[in-house]
C-alpha atoms as a PDB file:
ATOM      1  CA  MET A   1       0.000   0.000   0.000  1.00  0.00           C
ATOM      2  CA  THR A   2       1.440   3.381  -0.962  1.00  0.00           C
ATOM      3  CA  LEU A   3       0.641   6.649   0.706  1.00  0.00           C
ATOM      4  CA  SER A   4       0.711   9.913  -1.153  1.00  0.00           C
ATOM      5  CA  SER A   5       2.985  12.701  -0.060  1.00  0.00           C
ATOM      6  CA  ASN A   6       2.112  14.804   2.938  1.00  0.00           C
ATOM      7  CA  SER A   7       1.056  17.648   0.661  1.00  0.00           C
ATOM      8  CA  GLY A   8      -2.603  16.638   1.016  1.00  0.00           C
ATOM      9  CA  GLN A   9      -3.090  16.566  -2.761  1.00  0.00           C
ATOM     10  CA  ALA A  10      -5.915  14.338  -3.958  1.00  0.00           C
ATOM     11  CA  ALA A  11      -5.011  11.464  -6.243  1.00  0.00           C
ATOM     12  CA  GLN A  12      -5.296  12.083  -9.956  1.00  0.00           C
ATOM     13  CA  ALA A  13      -8.138  10.368 -11.825  1.00  0.00           C
ATOM     14  CA  GLY A  14      -7.313   6.725 -12.398  1.00  0.00           C
ATOM     15  CA  ASP A  15      -4.710   6.618  -9.604  1.00  0.00           C
ATOM     16  CA  LYS A  16      -5.095   3.299  -7.809  1.00  0.00           C
ATOM     17  CA  SER A  17      -2.883   4.169  -4.857  1.00  0.00           C
ATOM     18  CA  THR A  18      -3.966   4.754  -1.315  1.00  0.00           C
ATOM     19  CA  THR A  19      -4.088   8.474  -0.662  1.00  0.00           C
ATOM     20  CA  SER A  20      -4.091  10.776   2.322  1.00  0.00           C
ATOM     21  CA  THR A  21      -6.539  13.655   2.237  1.00  0.00           C
ATOM     22  CA  GLY A  22      -4.362  16.067   4.242  1.00  0.00           C
ATOM     23  CA  ALA A  23      -3.710  16.914   7.832  1.00  0.00           C
ATOM     24  CA  SER A  24      -6.610  16.737  10.248  1.00  0.00           C
ATOM     25  CA  GLN A  25      -7.829  19.835  12.046  1.00  0.00           C
ATOM     26  CA  SER A  26      -5.626  18.925  14.981  1.00  0.00           C
ATOM     27  CA  GLY A  27      -2.683  18.491  12.597  1.00  0.00           C
ATOM     28  CA  SER A  28      -2.004  14.895  13.605  1.00  0.00           C
ATOM     29  CA  GLN A  29      -3.522  11.983  11.667  1.00  0.00           C
ATOM     30  CA  ARG A  30      -5.091  12.119   8.219  1.00  0.00           C
ATOM     31  CA  MET A  31      -7.980  10.326   6.574  1.00  0.00           C
ATOM     32  CA  VAL A  32      -6.862   7.619   4.138  1.00  0.00           C
ATOM     33  CA  ILE A  33      -8.730   6.557   1.004  1.00  0.00           C
ATOM     34  CA  ALA A  34      -7.885   3.115  -0.355  1.00  0.00           C
ATOM     35  CA  ARG A  35      -8.749   3.273  -4.049  1.00  0.00           C
ATOM     36  CA  ALA A  36     -10.612   0.357  -5.610  1.00  0.00           C
ATOM     37  CA  GLY A  37      -8.105  -1.984  -7.202  1.00  0.00           C
ATOM     38  CA  ALA A  38      -5.165  -0.636  -5.162  1.00  0.00           C
ATOM     39  CA  GLN A  39      -4.627  -4.093  -3.677  1.00  0.00           C
ATOM     40  CA  PRO A  40      -4.691  -6.942  -6.187  1.00  0.00           C
ATOM     41  CA  SER A  41      -7.067  -9.880  -5.862  1.00  0.00           C
ATOM     42  CA  GLY A  42      -5.727 -13.406  -5.678  1.00  0.00           C
ATOM     43  CA  ARG A  43      -6.904 -17.002  -5.653  1.00  0.00           C
ATOM     44  CA  GLY A  44      -7.681 -18.401  -2.231  1.00  0.00           C
ATOM     45  CA  PRO A  45      -4.959 -20.915  -1.286  1.00  0.00           C
ATOM     46  CA  THR A  46      -5.963 -24.562  -1.787  1.00  0.00           C
ATOM     47  CA  ALA A  47      -4.874 -25.285   1.794  1.00  0.00           C
ATOM     48  CA  ASN A  48      -7.655 -22.937   3.019  1.00  0.00           C
ATOM     49  CA  PHE A  49     -10.348 -23.283   0.332  1.00  0.00           C
ATOM     50  CA  THR A  50     -11.996 -25.913  -1.863  1.00  0.00           C
ATOM     51  CA  GLY A  51     -12.884 -24.831  -5.408  1.00  0.00           C
ATOM     52  CA  SER A  52     -12.510 -21.452  -7.070  1.00  0.00           C
ATOM     53  CA  VAL A  53     -12.261 -18.600  -4.551  1.00  0.00           C
ATOM     54  CA  ILE A  54     -11.008 -15.048  -5.151  1.00  0.00           C
ATOM     55  CA  VAL A  55      -9.847 -12.941  -2.188  1.00  0.00           C
ATOM     56  CA  THR A  56      -9.657  -9.157  -2.577  1.00  0.00           C
ATOM     57  CA  PRO A  57      -8.017  -7.364   0.377  1.00  0.00           C
ATOM     58  CA  LEU A  58      -9.994  -4.265   1.424  1.00  0.00           C
ATOM     59  CA  PHE A  59      -8.111  -2.998   4.462  1.00  0.00           C
ATOM     60  CA  ALA A  60      -5.423  -4.176   6.852  1.00  0.00           C
ATOM     61  CA  ALA A  61      -4.833  -3.639  10.538  1.00  0.00           C
ATOM     62  CA  THR A  62      -2.769  -0.569  11.323  1.00  0.00           C
ATOM     63  CA  GLU A  63      -0.953   0.791  14.333  1.00  0.00           C
ATOM     64  CA  HIS A  64      -4.318   2.295  15.393  1.00  0.00           C
ATOM     65  CA  THR A  65      -6.718  -0.556  14.559  1.00  0.00           C
ATOM     66  CA  ARG A  66      -6.844  -4.330  14.911  1.00  0.00           C
ATOM     67  CA  ALA A  67      -9.421  -5.045  12.182  1.00  0.00           C
ATOM     68  CA  ALA A  68      -8.725  -6.353   8.698  1.00  0.00           C
ATOM     69  CA  GLY A  69     -11.220  -6.945   5.911  1.00  0.00           C
ATOM     70  CA  ALA A  70     -11.480  -8.648   2.546  1.00  0.00           C
ATOM     71  CA  SER A  71     -14.081  -9.387  -0.084  1.00  0.00           C
ATOM     72  CA  VAL A  72     -14.221 -13.117  -0.785  1.00  0.00           C
ATOM     73  CA  SER A  73     -15.984 -14.503  -3.871  1.00  0.00           C
ATOM     74  CA  PHE A  74     -16.882 -18.195  -4.061  1.00  0.00           C
ATOM     75  CA  GLU A  75     -17.923 -19.957  -7.275  1.00  0.00           C
ATOM     76  CA  PRO A  76     -20.616 -22.681  -6.875  1.00  0.00           C
ATOM     77  CA  CYS A  77     -19.390 -25.621  -4.741  1.00  0.00           C
ATOM     78  CA  SER A  78     -16.463 -23.530  -3.379  1.00  0.00           C
ATOM     79  CA  ARG A  79     -15.942 -23.100   0.338  1.00  0.00           C
ATOM     80  CA  SER A  80     -13.489 -22.478   3.134  1.00  0.00           C
ATOM     81  CA  VAL A  81     -12.006 -25.230   5.259  1.00  0.00           C
ATOM     82  CA  TRP A  82     -13.079 -25.502   8.880  1.00  0.00           C
ATOM     83  CA  HIS A  83     -11.515 -22.629  10.827  1.00  0.00           C
ATOM     84  CA  THR A  84     -11.751 -20.390  13.899  1.00  0.00           C
ATOM     85  CA  HIS A  85     -10.986 -16.729  14.600  1.00  0.00           C
ATOM     86  CA  PRO A  86      -9.301 -15.648  17.857  1.00  0.00           C
ATOM     87  CA  ALA A  87     -11.428 -12.452  18.060  1.00  0.00           C
ATOM     88  CA  GLY A  88     -14.437 -13.686  16.082  1.00  0.00           C
ATOM     89  CA  GLN A  89     -15.544 -12.677  12.600  1.00  0.00           C
ATOM     90  CA  THR A  90     -18.282 -10.643  10.939  1.00  0.00           C
ATOM     91  CA  LEU A  91     -19.431 -11.637   7.453  1.00  0.00           C
ATOM     92  CA  ILE A  92     -21.570  -9.354   5.288  1.00  0.00           C
ATOM     93  CA  VAL A  93     -23.036 -11.239   2.329  1.00  0.00           C
ATOM     94  CA  THR A  94     -22.992  -8.873  -0.657  1.00  0.00           C
ATOM     95  CA  ALA A  95     -24.122 -11.172  -3.489  1.00  0.00           C
ATOM     96  CA  GLY A  96     -25.505 -14.627  -4.150  1.00  0.00           C
ATOM     97  CA  VAL A  97     -26.506 -17.473  -1.879  1.00  0.00           C
ATOM     98  CA  GLY A  98     -24.214 -19.448   0.381  1.00  0.00           C
ATOM     99  CA  TRP A  99     -24.007 -21.855   3.260  1.00  0.00           C
ATOM    100  CA  ILE A 100     -22.420 -21.555   6.690  1.00  0.00           C
ATOM    101  CA  GLN A 101     -22.074 -24.147   9.426  1.00  0.00           C
ATOM    102  CA  GLU A 102     -20.620 -24.216  12.890  1.00  0.00           C
ATOM    103  CA  TRP A 103     -19.141 -27.437  14.255  1.00  0.00           C
ATOM    104  CA  GLY A 104     -21.905 -29.653  15.670  1.00  0.00           C
ATOM    105  CA  GLY A 105     -24.675 -27.512  14.121  1.00  0.00           C
ATOM    106  CA  GLN A 106     -26.732 -27.721  10.952  1.00  0.00           C
ATOM    107  CA  LYS A 107     -25.682 -26.088   7.709  1.00  0.00           C
ATOM    108  CA  ARG A 108     -27.603 -22.819   7.191  1.00  0.00           C
ATOM    109  CA  GLU A 109     -28.362 -20.741   4.118  1.00  0.00           C
ATOM    110  CA  ILE A 110     -27.079 -17.161   3.884  1.00  0.00           C
ATOM    111  CA  ARG A 111     -28.115 -14.550   1.311  1.00  0.00           C
ATOM    112  CA  ALA A 112     -27.149 -11.091   0.083  1.00  0.00           C
ATOM    113  CA  GLY A 113     -27.815  -8.588   2.874  1.00  0.00           C
ATOM    114  CA  ASP A 114     -27.310 -11.087   5.719  1.00  0.00           C
ATOM    115  CA  VAL A 115     -24.776 -10.220   8.425  1.00  0.00           C
ATOM    116  CA  ILE A 116     -23.262 -13.123  10.358  1.00  0.00           C
ATOM    117  CA  TRP A 117     -21.322 -12.848  13.625  1.00  0.00           C
ATOM    118  CA  THR A 118     -19.175 -15.840  14.579  1.00  0.00           C
ATOM    119  CA  PRO A 119     -17.826 -15.598  18.147  1.00  0.00           C
ATOM    120  CA  PRO A 120     -14.136 -16.137  19.000  1.00  0.00           C
ATOM    121  CA  GLY A 121     -12.991 -19.747  18.796  1.00  0.00           C
ATOM    122  CA  VAL A 122     -16.166 -21.118  17.141  1.00  0.00           C
ATOM    123  CA  LYS A 123     -15.181 -23.720  14.534  1.00  0.00           C
ATOM    124  CA  HIS A 124     -17.046 -23.098  11.271  1.00  0.00           C
ATOM    125  CA  TRP A 125     -16.934 -22.959   7.468  1.00  0.00           C
ATOM    126  CA  HIS A 126     -18.708 -20.879   4.822  1.00  0.00           C
ATOM    127  CA  GLY A 127     -18.990 -20.813   1.056  1.00  0.00           C
ATOM    128  CA  ALA A 128     -21.246 -20.916  -1.993  1.00  0.00           C
ATOM    129  CA  THR A 129     -24.100 -23.341  -2.488  1.00  0.00           C
ATOM    130  CA  ALA A 130     -23.781 -26.108  -5.068  1.00  0.00           C
ATOM    131  CA  THR A 131     -25.654 -23.988  -7.646  1.00  0.00           C
ATOM    132  CA  SER A 132     -25.047 -20.316  -6.760  1.00  0.00           C
ATOM    133  CA  PRO A 133     -21.932 -18.177  -6.349  1.00  0.00           C
ATOM    134  CA  MET A 134     -21.650 -16.091  -3.183  1.00  0.00           C
ATOM    135  CA  THR A 135     -19.563 -13.067  -2.186  1.00  0.00           C
ATOM    136  CA  HIS A 136     -19.088 -11.724   1.313  1.00  0.00           C
ATOM    137  CA  ILE A 137     -17.011  -9.156   3.107  1.00  0.00           C
ATOM    138  CA  ALA A 138     -15.086 -10.759   5.978  1.00  0.00           C
ATOM    139  CA  ILE A 139     -13.990  -8.574   8.900  1.00  0.00           C
ATOM    140  CA  GLN A 140     -11.854  -9.935  11.711  1.00  0.00           C
ATOM    141  CA  GLU A 141      -9.467  -8.549  14.317  1.00  0.00           C
ATOM    142  CA  HIS A 142      -5.845  -9.456  14.882  1.00  0.00           C
ATOM    143  CA  VAL A 143      -4.869 -11.097  18.161  1.00  0.00           C
ATOM    144  CA  ASN A 144      -1.088 -11.293  18.477  1.00  0.00           C
ATOM    145  CA  GLY A 145      -0.806 -10.843  14.710  1.00  0.00           C
ATOM    146  CA  LYS A 146      -3.253 -13.651  13.884  1.00  0.00           C
ATOM    147  CA  VAL A 147      -6.807 -13.454  12.475  1.00  0.00           C
ATOM    148  CA  VAL A 148      -7.586 -17.105  11.683  1.00  0.00           C
ATOM    149  CA  ASP A 149      -6.642 -20.670  12.557  1.00  0.00           C
ATOM    150  CA  TRP A 150      -7.153 -22.884   9.481  1.00  0.00           C
ATOM    151  CA  LEU A 151      -8.170 -26.471  10.253  1.00  0.00           C
ATOM    152  CA  GLU A 152      -9.271 -29.515   8.214  1.00  0.00           C
ATOM    153  CA  GLN A 153     -11.164 -29.683   4.912  1.00  0.00           C
ATOM    154  CA  VAL A 154     -14.969 -29.781   4.915  1.00  0.00           C
ATOM    155  CA  GLY A 155     -15.925 -33.300   3.842  1.00  0.00           C
ATOM    156  CA  GLU A 156     -18.252 -33.799   0.857  1.00  0.00           C
ATOM    157  CA  ASP A 157     -20.810 -35.429   3.173  1.00  0.00           C
ATOM    158  CA  GLN A 158     -20.705 -32.326   5.428  1.00  0.00           C
ATOM    159  CA  TYR A 159     -20.966 -29.962   2.447  1.00  0.00           C
ATOM    160  CA  ARG A 160     -23.848 -31.902   0.840  1.00  0.00           C
ATOM    161  CA  ALA A 161     -25.800 -32.360   4.130  1.00  0.00           C
ATOM    162  CA  PRO A 162     -29.294 -30.822   4.214  1.00  0.00           C
ATOM    163  CA  THR A 163     -29.658 -27.221   5.356  1.00  0.00           C
ATOM    164  CA  ASP A 164     -31.600 -26.190   8.440  1.00  0.00           C
ATOM    165  CA  ALA A 165     -35.132 -25.875   7.067  1.00  0.00           C
ATOM    166  CA  SER A 166     -36.610 -24.348  10.222  1.00  0.00           C
ATOM    167  CA  GLY A 167     -35.931 -20.809   9.034  1.00  0.00           C
ATOM    168  CA  SER A 168     -35.739 -19.755  12.668  1.00  0.00           C
ATOM    169  CA  ASP A 169     -32.737 -17.566  13.191  1.00  0.00           C
ATOM    170  CA  THR A 170     -32.662 -16.101  16.642  1.00  0.00           C
ATOM    171  CA  PRO A 171     -31.455 -12.510  16.428  1.00  0.00           C
ATOM    172  CA  SER A 172     -28.664 -11.806  18.829  1.00  0.00           C
ATOM    173  CA  ALA A 173     -26.469  -8.812  19.418  1.00  0.00           C
ATOM    174  CA  ARG A 174     -22.742  -9.042  18.969  1.00  0.00           C
ATOM    175  CA  PRO A 175     -21.074  -9.093  22.373  1.00  0.00           C
END
């Protein structure tokens, strides 16, 4: 990620760099704009994903924040491996239809507009359905420099298991 000079000049049209908008009123920190496409997308590693997955970094933790975020796009039948997050994770589904499952629970359908909170240490997976792609924004916080613990692959029998048909999601606030 590149920062523009301290002159406070806005980026020229088409500039894909990250830019500062100038000194704040107090003269200390400045607002930063990360331009779309400034950070290249890449294929999700096969050790962490099954199928075709594209990960686009959105923002990284800084000296002032612990959160990092990425947009993750899953083609049909693609999914993460089982994993946990030391500080939990928020997913915001932005397109398509997907599935999510926590260890010992039933697989559940997620759709564009859904927001999912997974508490710290809860073993889970998420991905596209067998027939629909799905994209979500994943936000998680660093704990001692780590945001995720990748575990074992999701078995085909687990992936193909029926979804929870009850439709009863109990709303709960994030702790």
